[in-house]
Structure formats: structure tokens, C-alpha cells
């Protein structure tokens, strides 16, 4: 049902995020909540990621989520097999990704 994350079935926990699409900011609000869950999990060494992006009718049906709600995402949670997020990261220079006042004007 979560084609972009077949490993969800093996996760110790998963959260399904469903929204009422008639609410104007539902996607934005749910997305912020998802990001907060990820940050809290990672702070405790628990890994997670966003699986799927809407149109997951099978998940809605499996969990008996009412038809008026839309499944936005499935969030698997578990301890990573290998240590992640440690060590020096290779990041692009700020001037390549940030702009000052107008696009193309490097932020330095």
C-alpha cells in the first residue's frame, strides 16, 4: 500500500497522517506536524521518513479512516541499522543555495 516505502511493514511503529482537505491549510499544518515528529524522533536516535504522498486509498481502507479524510503520508519509526547523521556532511556552499534580495544574487 505504501509503494515508496515497502519497509514500512517491518517498522516497529508507523503513524498515518490523514487530513480534512476542506480545511484550507490542512496540508501545510500536517506537513509541519510531520516535520516536528521527525525532529523529535531523530533527537532520540529514532529514524523516520515520509512515505507516500496522498492517494493511498488502501491505507485508508485498511485502517477504516472515514472517506472524507485524505491520507497524506505514512511515517515509519524505528532505530536505524547503521548510525546516521554523524560526522562531517558534504553540504553545498551557502552562496549556491541562498540568494540576497533577488534570485541569482549570491548570499555571502
N, C-alpha and C. Protein backbone atom coordinates (compact mmCIF):
# COMPACT_ATOMS: atom_id res chain seq x y z
N UNK A 1 0.81 -1.20 0.00
CA UNK A 1 0.00 0.00 0.00
C UNK A 1 0.85 1.27 0.00
N UNK A 2 2.03 1.19 0.59
CA UNK A 2 2.96 2.33 0.60
C UNK A 2 4.09 1.97 -0.36
N UNK A 3 3.84 2.15 -1.63
CA UNK A 3 4.77 1.69 -2.66
C UNK A 3 6.15 2.35 -2.58
N UNK A 4 6.23 3.57 -2.07
CA UNK A 4 7.53 4.22 -1.98
C UNK A 4 8.29 3.80 -0.73
N UNK A 5 7.69 2.98 0.11
CA UNK A 5 8.36 2.54 1.33
C UNK A 5 7.94 1.15 1.73
N UNK A 6 8.38 0.14 0.98
CA UNK A 6 7.97 -1.23 1.31
C UNK A 6 8.45 -1.69 2.68
N UNK A 7 9.41 -1.00 3.26
CA UNK A 7 9.96 -1.34 4.57
C UNK A 7 9.03 -0.94 5.71
N UNK A 8 7.96 -0.21 5.43
CA UNK A 8 7.05 0.24 6.47
C UNK A 8 6.51 -0.95 7.26
N UNK A 9 6.24 -2.04 6.57
CA UNK A 9 5.67 -3.22 7.24
C UNK A 9 6.59 -3.77 8.32
N UNK A 10 7.91 -3.53 8.22
CA UNK A 10 8.85 -4.03 9.22
C UNK A 10 9.16 -3.00 10.31
N UNK A 11 8.65 -1.79 10.19
CA UNK A 11 8.92 -0.75 11.18
C UNK A 11 8.21 -1.08 12.49
N UNK A 12 8.88 -0.85 13.63
CA UNK A 12 8.24 -1.11 14.91
C UNK A 12 6.97 -0.28 15.12
N UNK A 13 6.95 0.93 14.59
CA UNK A 13 5.79 1.82 14.69
C UNK A 13 5.65 2.60 13.39
N UNK A 14 4.41 2.96 13.10
CA UNK A 14 4.14 3.84 11.96
C UNK A 14 2.95 4.72 12.31
N UNK A 15 3.00 5.94 11.84
CA UNK A 15 1.91 6.88 12.04
C UNK A 15 1.36 7.22 10.67
N UNK A 16 0.05 7.15 10.53
CA UNK A 16 -0.61 7.55 9.30
C UNK A 16 -1.19 8.93 9.54
N UNK A 17 -0.85 9.86 8.68
CA UNK A 17 -1.34 11.23 8.80
C UNK A 17 -2.45 11.43 7.78
N UNK A 18 -3.65 11.71 8.29
CA UNK A 18 -4.81 11.95 7.43
C UNK A 18 -5.31 13.37 7.68
N UNK A 19 -5.80 14.00 6.62
CA UNK A 19 -6.25 15.38 6.73
C UNK A 19 -7.66 15.54 6.16
N UNK A 20 -8.29 16.61 6.57
CA UNK A 20 -9.56 17.02 6.00
C UNK A 20 -9.22 18.07 4.94
N UNK A 21 -9.31 17.69 3.68
CA UNK A 21 -8.89 18.59 2.61
C UNK A 21 -9.79 19.82 2.47
N UNK A 22 -10.93 19.83 3.14
CA UNK A 22 -11.79 21.01 3.07
C UNK A 22 -11.24 22.14 3.94
N UNK A 23 -10.29 21.82 4.80
CA UNK A 23 -9.65 22.85 5.63
C UNK A 23 -8.50 23.46 4.84
N UNK A 24 -8.54 24.74 4.68
CA UNK A 24 -7.63 25.46 3.79
C UNK A 24 -6.15 25.14 3.99
N UNK A 25 -5.69 25.09 5.23
CA UNK A 25 -4.27 24.90 5.50
C UNK A 25 -3.94 23.50 5.99
N UNK A 26 -4.79 22.54 5.71
CA UNK A 26 -4.59 21.19 6.24
C UNK A 26 -3.26 20.58 5.81
N UNK A 27 -2.91 20.69 4.54
CA UNK A 27 -1.64 20.10 4.07
C UNK A 27 -0.46 20.79 4.75
N UNK A 28 -0.51 22.10 4.85
CA UNK A 28 0.58 22.84 5.49
C UNK A 28 0.68 22.49 6.97
N UNK A 29 -0.43 22.47 7.66
CA UNK A 29 -0.42 22.15 9.09
C UNK A 29 0.08 20.73 9.34
N UNK A 30 -0.41 19.79 8.55
CA UNK A 30 0.02 18.40 8.71
C UNK A 30 1.50 18.24 8.39
N UNK A 31 1.97 18.94 7.37
CA UNK A 31 3.39 18.87 7.00
C UNK A 31 4.27 19.39 8.12
N UNK A 32 3.86 20.45 8.77
CA UNK A 32 4.63 20.98 9.90
C UNK A 32 4.62 19.99 11.06
N UNK A 33 3.49 19.35 11.29
CA UNK A 33 3.41 18.36 12.37
C UNK A 33 4.33 17.17 12.06
N UNK A 34 4.36 16.76 10.80
CA UNK A 34 5.23 15.66 10.38
C UNK A 34 6.69 16.02 10.64
N UNK A 35 7.08 17.23 10.25
CA UNK A 35 8.47 17.66 10.45
C UNK A 35 8.82 17.67 11.94
N UNK A 36 7.90 18.12 12.79
CA UNK A 36 8.15 18.12 14.23
C UNK A 36 8.33 16.70 14.76
N UNK A 37 7.51 15.77 14.25
CA UNK A 37 7.66 14.37 14.68
C UNK A 37 9.03 13.83 14.29
N UNK A 38 9.47 14.15 13.06
CA UNK A 38 10.79 13.70 12.60
C UNK A 38 11.89 14.25 13.48
N UNK A 39 11.85 15.54 13.76
CA UNK A 39 12.90 16.17 14.57
C UNK A 39 12.94 15.59 15.98
N UNK A 40 11.77 15.37 16.57
CA UNK A 40 11.72 14.78 17.91
C UNK A 40 12.28 13.35 17.88
N UNK A 41 11.92 12.59 16.87
CA UNK A 41 12.41 11.21 16.76
C UNK A 41 13.92 11.18 16.59
N UNK A 42 14.43 11.98 15.65
CA UNK A 42 15.88 11.99 15.41
C UNK A 42 16.66 12.43 16.64
N UNK A 43 16.08 13.34 17.42
CA UNK A 43 16.75 13.78 18.65
C UNK A 43 16.95 12.63 19.63
N UNK A 44 16.09 11.63 19.54
CA UNK A 44 16.20 10.45 20.41
C UNK A 44 16.83 9.26 19.69
N UNK A 45 17.39 9.49 18.50
CA UNK A 45 18.06 8.43 17.77
C UNK A 45 17.12 7.51 17.01
N UNK A 46 15.88 7.92 16.85
CA UNK A 46 14.89 7.13 16.12
C UNK A 46 14.78 7.69 14.70
N UNK A 47 14.86 6.81 13.73
CA UNK A 47 14.80 7.24 12.34
C UNK A 47 13.37 7.24 11.81
N UNK A 48 13.14 8.07 10.82
CA UNK A 48 11.84 8.12 10.16
C UNK A 48 11.99 8.83 8.83
N UNK A 49 10.97 8.71 8.01
CA UNK A 49 10.91 9.45 6.76
C UNK A 49 9.47 9.49 6.28
N UNK A 50 9.22 10.30 5.28
CA UNK A 50 7.89 10.50 4.71
C UNK A 50 7.70 9.46 3.63
N UNK A 51 6.67 8.64 3.75
CA UNK A 51 6.37 7.61 2.75
C UNK A 51 5.05 7.97 2.09
N UNK A 52 5.06 7.92 0.77
CA UNK A 52 3.85 8.22 0.02
C UNK A 52 3.57 9.70 0.00
N UNK A 53 2.64 10.07 -0.80
CA UNK A 53 2.16 11.44 -0.80
C UNK A 53 0.75 11.41 -1.36
N UNK A 54 -0.18 11.16 -0.47
CA UNK A 54 -1.58 11.14 -0.85
C UNK A 54 -1.96 9.94 -1.70
N UNK A 55 -3.21 9.89 -2.04
CA UNK A 55 -3.79 8.84 -2.88
C UNK A 55 -3.43 7.44 -2.40
N UNK A 56 -3.53 7.21 -1.11
CA UNK A 56 -3.25 5.89 -0.57
C UNK A 56 -4.55 5.31 -0.01
N UNK A 57 -5.45 5.04 -0.94
CA UNK A 57 -6.77 4.54 -0.58
C UNK A 57 -6.69 3.23 0.20
N UNK A 58 -5.75 2.37 -0.16
CA UNK A 58 -5.62 1.09 0.53
C UNK A 58 -5.34 1.27 2.01
N UNK A 59 -4.51 2.25 2.34
CA UNK A 59 -4.19 2.54 3.75
C UNK A 59 -5.45 3.04 4.45
N UNK A 60 -6.15 3.94 3.80
CA UNK A 60 -7.38 4.50 4.38
C UNK A 60 -8.38 3.38 4.65
N UNK A 61 -8.55 2.50 3.67
CA UNK A 61 -9.49 1.38 3.83
C UNK A 61 -9.05 0.42 4.93
N UNK A 62 -7.77 0.07 4.95
CA UNK A 62 -7.25 -0.86 5.95
C UNK A 62 -7.50 -0.38 7.37
N UNK A 63 -7.33 0.91 7.59
CA UNK A 63 -7.45 1.48 8.93
C UNK A 63 -8.83 2.05 9.22
N UNK A 64 -9.74 1.87 8.27
CA UNK A 64 -11.11 2.33 8.44
C UNK A 64 -11.20 3.84 8.67
N UNK A 65 -10.34 4.57 7.98
CA UNK A 65 -10.35 6.04 8.07
C UNK A 65 -11.53 6.54 7.24
N UNK A 66 -12.33 7.44 7.77
CA UNK A 66 -13.52 7.92 7.04
C UNK A 66 -13.17 8.46 5.65
N UNK A 67 -14.10 8.28 4.73
CA UNK A 67 -13.90 8.67 3.33
C UNK A 67 -13.63 10.17 3.17
N UNK A 68 -14.14 10.99 4.09
CA UNK A 68 -13.93 12.43 3.95
C UNK A 68 -12.52 12.87 4.32
N UNK A 69 -11.72 11.94 4.86
CA UNK A 69 -10.33 12.25 5.18
C UNK A 69 -9.41 11.70 4.10
N UNK A 70 -8.32 12.38 3.89
CA UNK A 70 -7.34 12.05 2.85
C UNK A 70 -6.03 11.63 3.52
N UNK A 71 -5.53 10.45 3.18
CA UNK A 71 -4.25 10.01 3.75
C UNK A 71 -3.13 10.77 3.05
N UNK A 72 -2.44 11.58 3.80
CA UNK A 72 -1.36 12.39 3.26
C UNK A 72 -0.04 11.64 3.27
N UNK A 73 0.24 10.90 4.35
CA UNK A 73 1.54 10.25 4.47
C UNK A 73 1.50 9.13 5.50
N UNK A 74 2.49 8.25 5.38
CA UNK A 74 2.75 7.22 6.38
C UNK A 74 4.16 7.47 6.89
N UNK A 75 4.33 7.47 8.20
CA UNK A 75 5.63 7.76 8.81
C UNK A 75 6.09 6.54 9.60
N UNK A 76 7.02 5.76 9.06
CA UNK A 76 7.55 4.64 9.83
C UNK A 76 8.60 5.15 10.82
N UNK A 77 8.65 4.55 12.00
CA UNK A 77 9.64 4.94 13.01
C UNK A 77 10.37 3.69 13.48
N UNK A 78 11.69 3.82 13.64
CA UNK A 78 12.48 2.72 14.16
C UNK A 78 13.93 3.14 14.33
N UNK A 79 14.69 2.29 14.98
CA UNK A 79 16.11 2.58 15.16
C UNK A 79 16.87 2.17 13.91
N UNK A 80 17.68 3.08 13.34
CA UNK A 80 18.44 2.76 12.13
C UNK A 80 19.42 1.61 12.38
N UNK A 81 19.63 0.79 11.36
CA UNK A 81 20.58 -0.32 11.44
C UNK A 81 21.99 0.22 11.60
N UNK A 82 22.31 1.26 10.85
CA UNK A 82 23.63 1.89 10.93
C UNK A 82 23.46 3.30 11.50
N UNK A 83 24.47 3.78 12.20
CA UNK A 83 24.43 5.13 12.75
C UNK A 83 24.36 6.13 11.60
N UNK A 84 23.41 7.03 11.69
CA UNK A 84 23.23 8.04 10.64
C UNK A 84 23.35 9.43 11.22
N UNK A 85 23.66 10.38 10.36
CA UNK A 85 23.67 11.76 10.78
C UNK A 85 24.87 12.18 11.60
N UNK A 86 25.86 11.34 11.67
CA UNK A 86 27.05 11.70 12.44
C UNK A 86 28.21 11.94 11.48
N UNK A 87 29.12 12.75 11.92
CA UNK A 87 30.28 13.03 11.08
C UNK A 87 30.06 14.26 10.22
N UNK A 88 31.06 14.57 9.45
CA UNK A 88 31.02 15.76 8.61
C UNK A 88 30.16 15.52 7.38
N UNK A 89 29.25 16.42 7.14
CA UNK A 89 28.38 16.33 5.97
C UNK A 89 28.96 17.17 4.85
N UNK A 90 28.76 16.70 3.64
CA UNK A 90 29.18 17.48 2.48
C UNK A 90 28.01 18.33 2.03
N UNK A 91 28.06 19.59 2.36
CA UNK A 91 26.98 20.50 2.02
C UNK A 91 27.44 21.48 0.95
N UNK A 92 26.50 21.93 0.16
CA UNK A 92 26.81 22.95 -0.85
C UNK A 92 27.13 24.26 -0.13
N UNK A 93 27.99 25.07 -0.71
CA UNK A 93 28.26 26.38 -0.12
C UNK A 93 26.98 27.22 -0.08
N UNK A 94 26.83 28.04 0.94
CA UNK A 94 25.66 28.87 1.10
C UNK A 94 25.38 29.71 -0.14
N UNK A 95 26.42 30.22 -0.77
CA UNK A 95 26.26 31.07 -1.95
C UNK A 95 25.58 30.34 -3.11
N UNK A 96 25.63 29.00 -3.12
CA UNK A 96 24.99 28.23 -4.19
C UNK A 96 23.50 28.01 -3.96
N UNK A 97 23.05 28.12 -2.72
CA UNK A 97 21.66 27.78 -2.45
C UNK A 97 20.84 28.93 -1.88
N UNK A 98 21.47 29.99 -1.45
CA UNK A 98 20.75 31.14 -0.89
C UNK A 98 21.03 32.37 -1.74
N UNK A 99 20.04 33.23 -1.82
CA UNK A 99 20.16 34.43 -2.65
C UNK A 99 19.82 35.65 -1.81
N UNK A 100 20.47 36.76 -2.14
CA UNK A 100 20.24 38.01 -1.40
C UNK A 100 19.33 38.90 -2.22
N UNK A 101 18.18 39.17 -1.67
CA UNK A 101 17.17 40.08 -2.22
C UNK A 101 16.58 39.63 -3.55
N UNK A 102 17.37 39.11 -4.49
CA UNK A 102 16.86 38.64 -5.76
C UNK A 102 17.56 37.33 -6.14
N UNK A 103 16.81 36.50 -6.83
CA UNK A 103 17.38 35.23 -7.27
C UNK A 103 18.60 35.49 -8.14
N UNK A 104 19.65 34.73 -7.94
CA UNK A 104 20.87 34.87 -8.72
C UNK A 104 21.89 35.80 -8.09
N UNK A 105 21.49 36.50 -7.07
CA UNK A 105 22.41 37.39 -6.35
C UNK A 105 22.87 36.61 -5.11
N UNK A 106 24.12 36.09 -5.13
CA UNK A 106 24.57 35.19 -4.05
C UNK A 106 24.50 35.81 -2.67
N UNK A 107 24.13 34.97 -1.75
CA UNK A 107 24.11 35.35 -0.33
C UNK A 107 25.46 34.97 0.23
N UNK A 108 26.23 35.92 0.64
CA UNK A 108 27.58 35.63 1.15
C UNK A 108 27.77 36.16 2.52
